[in-house]
Amino acid sequence: MASPAQSQASEITQLAIEVFEDANYAAAWLNERNVALDNRSPAEVVMSDPKGTEVVKNLLLRIQYGVLA
């Protein structure tokens, strides 16, 4: 049985693959530091912050729909 953190990470990974349409690019994006996340990686934010999943999910949805601000 997956832990809540593992389930959240899996959800974000699937969304990233959907947004970027490339599993390798999605994996790289999840592990690279991001200015929009205070120079932390999306994976780090998801695993270290209780609200991290929502923060990264919102960022991915903004990317998907072209909302920059």
Protein backbone atom coordinates (compact mmCIF):
# COMPACT_ATOMS: atom_id res chain seq x y z
CA MET A 1 0.00 0.00 0.00
CA ALA A 2 1.38 3.40 -1.00
CA SER A 3 1.89 6.12 1.58
CA PRO A 4 0.07 9.44 1.12
CA ALA A 5 3.35 11.08 0.04
CA GLN A 6 3.93 8.36 -2.57
CA SER A 7 0.36 8.75 -3.84
CA GLN A 8 0.79 12.51 -4.13
CA ALA A 9 4.12 12.11 -5.93
CA SER A 10 2.51 9.65 -8.34
CA GLU A 11 -0.37 12.04 -9.01
CA ILE A 12 2.03 14.90 -9.75
CA THR A 13 4.20 12.68 -11.97
CA GLN A 14 1.18 11.64 -14.03
CA LEU A 15 0.05 15.25 -14.40
CA ALA A 16 3.55 16.33 -15.44
CA ILE A 17 3.62 13.61 -18.11
CA GLU A 18 0.21 14.77 -19.35
CA VAL A 19 1.29 18.43 -19.45
CA PHE A 20 4.66 17.88 -21.13
CA GLU A 21 3.61 14.85 -23.21
CA ASP A 22 7.01 13.27 -22.55
CA ALA A 23 7.86 11.10 -19.54
CA ASN A 24 11.59 11.85 -19.68
CA TYR A 25 11.05 15.61 -19.85
CA ALA A 26 8.48 15.41 -17.05
CA ALA A 27 10.93 13.51 -14.84
CA ALA A 28 13.66 16.06 -15.54
CA TRP A 29 11.30 18.97 -14.82
CA LEU A 30 10.22 17.42 -11.53
CA ASN A 31 13.83 17.20 -10.35
CA GLU A 32 15.17 20.58 -11.55
CA ARG A 33 15.16 23.68 -9.39
CA ASN A 34 12.37 26.06 -10.33
CA VAL A 35 12.33 29.81 -9.73
CA ALA A 36 8.53 29.72 -9.26
CA LEU A 37 9.08 27.36 -6.31
CA ASP A 38 11.70 29.47 -4.51
CA ASN A 39 14.49 27.65 -6.33
CA ARG A 40 13.37 24.23 -5.06
CA SER A 41 12.53 21.30 -7.32
CA PRO A 42 8.87 20.35 -7.72
CA ALA A 43 9.67 16.91 -6.25
CA GLU A 44 11.21 18.54 -3.18
CA VAL A 45 8.17 20.78 -2.71
CA VAL A 46 5.76 17.85 -2.95
CA MET A 47 7.70 15.76 -0.44
CA SER A 48 8.55 18.49 2.09
CA ASP A 49 5.52 20.75 2.26
CA PRO A 50 2.01 19.67 3.32
CA LYS A 51 0.56 21.97 0.66
CA GLY A 52 3.30 21.14 -1.83
CA THR A 53 1.17 18.89 -4.00
CA GLU A 54 -1.36 21.67 -4.57
CA VAL A 55 1.38 24.23 -5.24
CA VAL A 56 3.04 22.04 -7.88
CA LYS A 57 -0.31 20.96 -9.34
CA ASN A 58 -1.31 24.61 -9.75
CA LEU A 59 2.03 25.38 -11.42
CA LEU A 60 1.60 22.50 -13.85
CA LEU A 61 -1.95 23.58 -14.70
CA ARG A 62 -0.73 27.14 -15.31
CA ILE A 63 1.90 25.75 -17.68
CA GLN A 64 -0.67 23.56 -19.41
CA TYR A 65 -3.08 26.45 -19.99
CA GLY A 66 -0.47 29.11 -20.69
CA VAL A 67 -1.13 31.24 -17.60
CA LEU A 68 2.15 32.88 -16.68
CA ALA A 69 1.08 35.08 -13.79
